[in-house]
C-alpha atoms as a PDB file:
ATOM      1  CA  MET A   1      20.824 -37.717   0.131  1.00  0.00           C
ATOM      2  CA  THR A   2      20.030 -34.244   1.427  1.00  0.00           C
ATOM      3  CA  THR A   3      18.848 -31.445  -0.815  1.00  0.00           C
ATOM      4  CA  ALA A   4      20.799 -28.203  -0.615  1.00  0.00           C
ATOM      5  CA  LYS A   5      18.915 -25.376   1.034  1.00  0.00           C
ATOM      6  CA  PRO A   6      17.762 -22.858  -1.600  1.00  0.00           C
ATOM      7  CA  ILE A   7      19.385 -19.436  -1.653  1.00  0.00           C
ATOM      8  CA  THR A   8      16.864 -16.839  -0.526  1.00  0.00           C
ATOM      9  CA  VAL A   9      16.668 -13.772  -2.747  1.00  0.00           C
ATOM     10  CA  LEU A  10      15.048 -10.359  -2.365  1.00  0.00           C
ATOM     11  CA  LEU A  11      14.504  -8.489  -5.637  1.00  0.00           C
ATOM     12  CA  ALA A  12      14.317  -4.671  -5.712  1.00  0.00           C
ATOM     13  CA  GLU A  13      13.096  -3.490  -9.118  1.00  0.00           C
ATOM     14  CA  ASP A  14      10.458  -0.907  -9.973  1.00  0.00           C
ATOM     15  CA  HIS A  15       9.443  -2.311 -13.371  1.00  0.00           C
ATOM     16  CA  ALA A  16       6.812  -5.044 -12.953  1.00  0.00           C
ATOM     17  CA  VAL A  17       7.694  -6.842 -16.190  1.00  0.00           C
ATOM     18  CA  VAL A  18      11.376  -7.065 -15.223  1.00  0.00           C
ATOM     19  CA  ARG A  19      10.463  -8.278 -11.721  1.00  0.00           C
ATOM     20  CA  GLN A  20       8.189 -10.965 -13.092  1.00  0.00           C
ATOM     21  CA  GLY A  21      10.786 -12.116 -15.603  1.00  0.00           C
ATOM     22  CA  LEU A  22      13.592 -12.339 -13.059  1.00  0.00           C
ATOM     23  CA  CYS A  23      11.406 -14.133 -10.511  1.00  0.00           C
ATOM     24  CA  ALA A  24      10.287 -16.663 -13.130  1.00  0.00           C
ATOM     25  CA  LEU A  25      13.891 -17.235 -14.203  1.00  0.00           C
ATOM     26  CA  LEU A  26      15.196 -17.794 -10.674  1.00  0.00           C
ATOM     27  CA  ASN A  27      12.233 -19.881  -9.540  1.00  0.00           C
ATOM     28  CA  ALA A  28      12.656 -22.144 -12.576  1.00  0.00           C
ATOM     29  CA  ASP A  29      16.282 -22.794 -11.617  1.00  0.00           C
ATOM     30  CA  GLY A  30      15.319 -24.624  -8.456  1.00  0.00           C
ATOM     31  CA  SER A  31      18.299 -23.368  -6.450  1.00  0.00           C
ATOM     32  CA  PHE A  32      16.710 -20.101  -5.367  1.00  0.00           C
ATOM     33  CA  GLN A  33      13.746 -19.008  -3.284  1.00  0.00           C
ATOM     34  CA  MET A  34      12.273 -15.578  -3.987  1.00  0.00           C
ATOM     35  CA  VAL A  35      11.285 -14.287  -0.557  1.00  0.00           C
ATOM     36  CA  GLY A  36      10.299 -10.737  -1.464  1.00  0.00           C
ATOM     37  CA  GLU A  37       9.842  -8.132  -4.164  1.00  0.00           C
ATOM     38  CA  ALA A  38      10.408  -4.413  -3.608  1.00  0.00           C
ATOM     39  CA  ARG A  39       9.106  -1.770  -6.007  1.00  0.00           C
ATOM     40  CA  ASN A  40      11.298   1.013  -4.671  1.00  0.00           C
ATOM     41  CA  GLY A  41      14.286   1.581  -2.441  1.00  0.00           C
ATOM     42  CA  ARG A  42      12.220   2.283   0.665  1.00  0.00           C
ATOM     43  CA  GLU A  43      10.500  -1.097   0.363  1.00  0.00           C
ATOM     44  CA  ALA A  44      13.882  -2.736  -0.251  1.00  0.00           C
ATOM     45  CA  VAL A  45      15.280  -1.344   3.006  1.00  0.00           C
ATOM     46  CA  ASP A  46      12.231  -2.477   4.999  1.00  0.00           C
ATOM     47  CA  LEU A  47      12.094  -5.958   3.430  1.00  0.00           C
ATOM     48  CA  ALA A  48      15.838  -6.482   3.845  1.00  0.00           C
ATOM     49  CA  LYS A  49      15.458  -5.844   7.583  1.00  0.00           C
ATOM     50  CA  SER A  50      12.450  -8.132   8.033  1.00  0.00           C
ATOM     51  CA  LEU A  51      13.349 -10.963   5.635  1.00  0.00           C
ATOM     52  CA  ARG A  52      17.151 -11.113   5.992  1.00  0.00           C
ATOM     53  CA  PRO A  53      17.625 -12.786   2.572  1.00  0.00           C
ATOM     54  CA  ASP A  54      20.866 -14.456   1.537  1.00  0.00           C
ATOM     55  CA  VAL A  55      21.201 -12.146  -1.468  1.00  0.00           C
ATOM     56  CA  ILE A  56      19.543  -8.886  -2.501  1.00  0.00           C
ATOM     57  CA  LEU A  57      19.290  -8.046  -6.209  1.00  0.00           C
ATOM     58  CA  MET A  58      19.131  -4.251  -6.388  1.00  0.00           C
ATOM     59  CA  ASP A  59      18.254  -1.951  -9.261  1.00  0.00           C
ATOM     60  CA  ILE A  60      19.740   1.558  -9.110  1.00  0.00           C
ATOM     61  CA  ALA A  61      17.118   3.842 -10.639  1.00  0.00           C
ATOM     62  CA  MET A  62      13.999   3.463  -8.481  1.00  0.00           C
ATOM     63  CA  PRO A  63      11.431   5.930  -7.142  1.00  0.00           C
ATOM     64  CA  VAL A  64      11.051   7.136  -3.524  1.00  0.00           C
ATOM     65  CA  LEU A  65      14.578   5.957  -2.638  1.00  0.00           C
ATOM     66  CA  ASN A  66      17.161   5.032  -5.257  1.00  0.00           C
ATOM     67  CA  GLY A  67      19.097   1.780  -5.150  1.00  0.00           C
ATOM     68  CA  LEU A  68      22.379   3.424  -4.195  1.00  0.00           C
ATOM     69  CA  GLU A  69      20.953   5.001  -1.069  1.00  0.00           C
ATOM     70  CA  ALA A  70      18.896   1.885  -0.268  1.00  0.00           C
ATOM     71  CA  THR A  71      22.117  -0.154  -0.483  1.00  0.00           C
ATOM     72  CA  ARG A  72      23.868   2.237   1.867  1.00  0.00           C
ATOM     73  CA  GLN A  73      21.045   2.073   4.420  1.00  0.00           C
ATOM     74  CA  ILE A  74      20.769  -1.724   4.269  1.00  0.00           C
ATOM     75  CA  LEU A  75      24.494  -2.177   4.820  1.00  0.00           C
ATOM     76  CA  ALA A  76      24.515   0.398   7.617  1.00  0.00           C
ATOM     77  CA  ALA A  77      21.863  -1.654   9.420  1.00  0.00           C
ATOM     78  CA  ASN A  78      23.396  -5.025   8.547  1.00  0.00           C
ATOM     79  CA  ALA A  79      26.993  -5.072   7.352  1.00  0.00           C
ATOM     80  CA  ALA A  80      26.653  -8.774   6.497  1.00  0.00           C
ATOM     81  CA  ALA A  81      23.965  -8.153   3.853  1.00  0.00           C
ATOM     82  CA  ARG A  82      24.977  -9.407   0.402  1.00  0.00           C
ATOM     83  CA  ILE A  83      23.855  -7.028  -2.339  1.00  0.00           C
ATOM     84  CA  VAL A  84      24.250  -7.435  -6.087  1.00  0.00           C
ATOM     85  CA  ILE A  85      23.519  -4.415  -8.244  1.00  0.00           C
ATOM     86  CA  LEU A  86      21.640  -5.370 -11.407  1.00  0.00           C
ATOM     87  CA  SER A  87      21.316  -2.236 -13.491  1.00  0.00           C
ATOM     88  CA  ALA A  88      20.920  -0.936 -17.007  1.00  0.00           C
ATOM     89  CA  HIS A  89      23.448   1.730 -16.032  1.00  0.00           C
ATOM     90  CA  SER A  90      27.134   0.888 -15.738  1.00  0.00           C
ATOM     91  CA  ASP A  91      28.648   4.379 -15.910  1.00  0.00           C
ATOM     92  CA  ASP A  92      31.781   4.984 -13.849  1.00  0.00           C
ATOM     93  CA  GLU A  93      29.787   7.155 -11.418  1.00  0.00           C
ATOM     94  CA  TYR A  94      27.417   4.312 -10.570  1.00  0.00           C
ATOM     95  CA  ILE A  95      30.158   1.694 -10.327  1.00  0.00           C
ATOM     96  CA  GLU A  96      32.350   3.883  -8.137  1.00  0.00           C
ATOM     97  CA  ARG A  97      29.597   4.766  -5.700  1.00  0.00           C
ATOM     98  CA  THR A  98      28.166   1.251  -5.383  1.00  0.00           C
ATOM     99  CA  SER A  99      31.644  -0.154  -4.826  1.00  0.00           C
ATOM    100  CA  GLU A 100      32.339   2.436  -2.152  1.00  0.00           C
ATOM    101  CA  ALA A 101      29.025   1.573  -0.503  1.00  0.00           C
ATOM    102  CA  GLY A 102      30.167  -2.040  -0.136  1.00  0.00           C
ATOM    103  CA  VAL A 103      28.154  -4.099  -2.630  1.00  0.00           C
ATOM    104  CA  ALA A 104      29.187  -7.709  -3.246  1.00  0.00           C
ATOM    105  CA  GLY A 105      28.519  -7.639  -6.979  1.00  0.00           C
ATOM    106  CA  PHE A 106      27.508  -5.583 -10.002  1.00  0.00           C
ATOM    107  CA  LEU A 107      25.964  -6.880 -13.235  1.00  0.00           C
ATOM    108  CA  GLU A 108      24.490  -5.193 -16.268  1.00  0.00           C
ATOM    109  CA  LYS A 109      20.852  -6.079 -16.936  1.00  0.00           C
ATOM    110  CA  GLN A 110      21.848  -7.472 -20.313  1.00  0.00           C
ATOM    111  CA  SER A 111      23.856 -10.196 -18.555  1.00  0.00           C
ATOM    112  CA  SER A 112      22.857 -13.775 -19.409  1.00  0.00           C
ATOM    113  CA  ALA A 113      20.831 -15.973 -17.071  1.00  0.00           C
ATOM    114  CA  GLU A 114      23.920 -18.119 -16.519  1.00  0.00           C
ATOM    115  CA  VAL A 115      25.970 -15.122 -15.384  1.00  0.00           C
ATOM    116  CA  LEU A 116      23.179 -13.921 -13.095  1.00  0.00           C
ATOM    117  CA  THR A 117      22.723 -17.270 -11.356  1.00  0.00           C
ATOM    118  CA  LYS A 118      26.480 -17.695 -10.999  1.00  0.00           C
ATOM    119  CA  ALA A 119      26.746 -14.229  -9.452  1.00  0.00           C
ATOM    120  CA  ILE A 120      24.041 -15.026  -6.892  1.00  0.00           C
ATOM    121  CA  ARG A 121      25.714 -18.310  -5.930  1.00  0.00           C
ATOM    122  CA  GLU A 122      29.137 -16.683  -5.600  1.00  0.00           C
ATOM    123  CA  VAL A 123      27.830 -13.828  -3.486  1.00  0.00           C
ATOM    124  CA  ALA A 124      25.752 -16.154  -1.276  1.00  0.00           C
ATOM    125  CA  ALA A 125      28.924 -18.158  -0.655  1.00  0.00           C
ATOM    126  CA  GLY A 126      30.661 -15.064   0.699  1.00  0.00           C
ATOM    127  CA  ARG A 127      32.582 -14.130  -2.426  1.00  0.00           C
ATOM    128  CA  THR A 128      32.220 -11.152  -4.754  1.00  0.00           C
ATOM    129  CA  PHE A 129      31.186 -11.200  -8.388  1.00  0.00           C
ATOM    130  CA  PHE A 130      31.539  -8.389 -10.906  1.00  0.00           C
ATOM    131  CA  SER A 131      31.343  -8.708 -14.665  1.00  0.00           C
ATOM    132  CA  PRO A 132      34.888  -8.652 -16.151  1.00  0.00           C
ATOM    133  CA  ALA A 133      34.591  -5.155 -17.628  1.00  0.00           C
ATOM    134  CA  ILE A 134      33.275  -3.733 -14.370  1.00  0.00           C
ATOM    135  CA  ALA A 135      35.895  -5.554 -12.286  1.00  0.00           C
ATOM    136  CA  LYS A 136      38.630  -3.962 -14.389  1.00  0.00           C
ATOM    137  CA  ARG A 137      37.201  -0.478 -13.893  1.00  0.00           C
ATOM    138  CA  LEU A 138      36.808  -1.094 -10.157  1.00  0.00           C
ATOM    139  CA  ARG A 139      40.462  -2.027  -9.796  1.00  0.00           C
ATOM    140  CA  HIS A 140      41.429   1.241 -11.436  1.00  0.00           C
ATOM    141  CA  GLN A 141      39.042   3.292  -9.283  1.00  0.00           C
ATOM    142  CA  GLN A 142      40.171   1.638  -6.044  1.00  0.00           C
ATOM    143  CA  ALA A 143      43.795   2.300  -6.930  1.00  0.00           C
ATOM    144  CA  THR A 144      43.162   5.984  -7.589  1.00  0.00           C
ATOM    145  CA  ALA A 145      40.492   6.840  -5.007  1.00  0.00           C
ATOM    146  CA  PRO A 146      40.532   4.560  -1.923  1.00  0.00           C
ATOM    147  CA  GLY A 147      38.660   5.005   1.335  1.00  0.00           C
ATOM    148  CA  ARG A 148      35.414   6.612   0.238  1.00  0.00           C
ATOM    149  CA  ASP A 149      31.987   5.736   1.596  1.00  0.00           C
ATOM    150  CA  GLY A 150      29.720   6.046  -1.429  1.00  0.00           C
ATOM    151  CA  THR A 151      27.721   9.074  -0.305  1.00  0.00           C
ATOM    152  CA  PRO A 152      26.783  11.689  -2.903  1.00  0.00           C
ATOM    153  CA  LYS A 153      29.144  14.616  -2.985  1.00  0.00           C
ATOM    154  CA  ALA A 154      29.622  17.929  -4.714  1.00  0.00           C
ATOM    155  CA  GLY A 155      32.847  19.903  -4.528  1.00  0.00           C
ATOM    156  CA  GLY A 156      34.039  17.704  -1.651  1.00  0.00           C
ATOM    157  CA  VAL A 157      30.799  18.122   0.343  1.00  0.00           C
ATOM    158  CA  ARG A 158      28.971  14.917   1.264  1.00  0.00           C
ATOM    159  CA  LEU A 159      25.250  14.614   1.818  1.00  0.00           C
ATOM    160  CA  THR A 160      23.792  12.765   4.768  1.00  0.00           C
ATOM    161  CA  SER A 161      21.475   9.810   4.220  1.00  0.00           C
ATOM    162  CA  ARG A 162      18.441  11.930   5.126  1.00  0.00           C
ATOM    163  CA  GLU A 163      19.521  14.771   2.860  1.00  0.00           C
ATOM    164  CA  THR A 164      19.828  12.306  -0.010  1.00  0.00           C
ATOM    165  CA  GLU A 165      16.317  11.015   0.660  1.00  0.00           C
ATOM    166  CA  VAL A 166      14.897  14.543   0.715  1.00  0.00           C
ATOM    167  CA  LEU A 167      16.817  15.449  -2.425  1.00  0.00           C
ATOM    168  CA  GLN A 168      15.402  12.503  -4.351  1.00  0.00           C
ATOM    169  CA  LEU A 169      11.820  13.192  -3.339  1.00  0.00           C
ATOM    170  CA  VAL A 170      12.125  16.917  -4.114  1.00  0.00           C
ATOM    171  CA  ALA A 171      13.728  16.146  -7.474  1.00  0.00           C
ATOM    172  CA  GLU A 172      10.888  13.737  -8.259  1.00  0.00           C
ATOM    173  CA  GLY A 173       8.442  16.605  -7.791  1.00  0.00           C
ATOM    174  CA  SER A 174       7.131  16.016  -4.265  1.00  0.00           C
ATOM    175  CA  ALA A 175       6.038  19.059  -2.280  1.00  0.00           C
ATOM    176  CA  ASN A 176       7.347  19.525   1.263  1.00  0.00           C
ATOM    177  CA  LYS A 177       4.105  18.140   2.724  1.00  0.00           C
ATOM    178  CA  GLN A 178       4.420  14.937   0.703  1.00  0.00           C
ATOM    179  CA  VAL A 179       8.122  14.564   1.539  1.00  0.00           C
ATOM    180  CA  ALA A 180       7.253  14.890   5.220  1.00  0.00           C
ATOM    181  CA  ALA A 181       4.550  12.219   4.916  1.00  0.00           C
ATOM    182  CA  ASP A 182       6.800   9.827   2.987  1.00  0.00           C
ATOM    183  CA  LEU A 183       9.672  10.132   5.460  1.00  0.00           C
ATOM    184  CA  GLY A 184       7.600  10.383   8.630  1.00  0.00           C
ATOM    185  CA  ILE A 185       9.058  13.746   9.646  1.00  0.00           C
ATOM    186  CA  SER A 186       7.621  17.227  10.102  1.00  0.00           C
ATOM    187  CA  ILE A 187       7.297  19.765   7.312  1.00  0.00           C
ATOM    188  CA  LYS A 188       9.579  22.052   9.308  1.00  0.00           C
ATOM    189  CA  THR A 189      12.269  19.354   9.336  1.00  0.00           C
ATOM    190  CA  VAL A 190      11.884  18.892   5.570  1.00  0.00           C
ATOM    191  CA  GLU A 191      12.318  22.634   5.079  1.00  0.00           C
ATOM    192  CA  LYS A 192      15.462  22.557   7.235  1.00  0.00           C
ATOM    193  CA  HIS A 193      16.955  19.636   5.244  1.00  0.00           C
ATOM    194  CA  ARG A 194      16.055  21.373   2.001  1.00  0.00           C
ATOM    195  CA  GLN A 195      17.804  24.552   3.093  1.00  0.00           C
ATOM    196  CA  HIS A 196      20.880  22.569   4.188  1.00  0.00           C
ATOM    197  CA  LEU A 197      20.957  20.939   0.754  1.00  0.00           C
ATOM    198  CA  MET A 198      20.848  24.272  -1.014  1.00  0.00           C
ATOM    199  CA  ASP A 199      23.528  25.705   1.262  1.00  0.00           C
ATOM    200  CA  LYS A 200      25.841  22.707   0.859  1.00  0.00           C
ATOM    201  CA  LEU A 201      25.447  22.497  -2.898  1.00  0.00           C
ATOM    202  CA  ASN A 202      25.246  26.256  -3.488  1.00  0.00           C
ATOM    203  CA  ILE A 203      21.982  25.677  -5.358  1.00  0.00           C
ATOM    204  CA  HIS A 204      19.075  28.000  -4.748  1.00  0.00           C
ATOM    205  CA  ASP A 205      16.051  26.580  -6.566  1.00  0.00           C
ATOM    206  CA  THR A 206      14.229  23.288  -7.081  1.00  0.00           C
ATOM    207  CA  ALA A 207      15.206  23.037 -10.739  1.00  0.00           C
ATOM    208  CA  GLY A 208      18.856  23.263  -9.729  1.00  0.00           C
ATOM    209  CA  LEU A 209      18.415  20.530  -7.129  1.00  0.00           C
ATOM    210  CA  THR A 210      16.756  18.347  -9.759  1.00  0.00           C
ATOM    211  CA  ARG A 211      19.576  18.875 -12.232  1.00  0.00           C
ATOM    212  CA  TYR A 212      22.080  17.950  -9.533  1.00  0.00           C
ATOM    213  CA  ALA A 213      20.104  14.807  -8.630  1.00  0.00           C
ATOM    214  CA  ILE A 214      20.150  13.724 -12.281  1.00  0.00           C
ATOM    215  CA  ALA A 215      23.871  14.443 -12.667  1.00  0.00           C
ATOM    216  CA  ALA A 216      24.644  12.510  -9.455  1.00  0.00           C
ATOM    217  CA  GLY A 217      22.616   9.490 -10.586  1.00  0.00           C
ATOM    218  CA  ILE A 218      20.069   9.889  -7.773  1.00  0.00           C
ATOM    219  CA  ILE A 219      17.195  10.026 -10.266  1.00  0.00           C
ATOM    220  CA  GLU A 220      16.938   9.352 -13.979  1.00  0.00           C
ATOM    221  CA  SER A 221      16.522  12.236 -16.400  1.00  0.00           C
ATOM    222  CA  SER A 222      13.168  10.788 -17.487  1.00  0.00           C
ATOM    223  CA  VAL A 223      11.702  11.450 -14.014  1.00  0.00           C
ATOM    224  CA  GLN A 224      11.520  15.184 -14.626  1.00  0.00           C
ATOM    225  CA  LEU A 225      10.613  16.309 -18.120  1.00  0.00           C
ATOM    226  CA  THR A 226       9.868  19.954 -17.420  1.00  0.00           C
ATOM    227  CA  ILE A 227      13.259  21.204 -16.298  1.00  0.00           C
ATOM    228  CA  ILE A 228      14.382  24.346 -18.108  1.00  0.00           C
END
């Protein structure tokens, strides 16, 4: 009798306690193999490329690069990647954008262990899995707004992947020098992206960019506490 090959899983979650709990839960099941843990979206993108796991569990609100943009970059590099969003946030904005990006599943973090393991198995088998409430909302959204690609937008203007990365880092309080170092680009290029952002969004200060990033779900409101 042969033993079924375990499903390899990459977990992207910035809270250590949550990561440890999920890893312990899945390891105890015996059907899964945790092959990597990412603390932010940038690590998730890199590990997804190097590890090629069967399923990626992705949080949305993470530093450096949020889960929505990380999902978009992973799928752009490998359309066959199977990503399940596991988030405390299930607002229509999040659900719409993750669906448009091409995720294979979406679960609330309060989902039971049984639902989580079932979702991973379904997604690894090539199917999709959304909690019933989310599936219902997705059907409505797809009927009313088909053909989108999940990129952030404002007034019909879409941001590029790089602009989204710069926006998140700026909104998190990083200076241009730090943004350049994090993204491996020149300060001049950061300044150019920043100006393009302001022009596209018709926003002319950092506080305005931060408020937009919060409203668009790119960062959580708790990231910046000094906005006035």
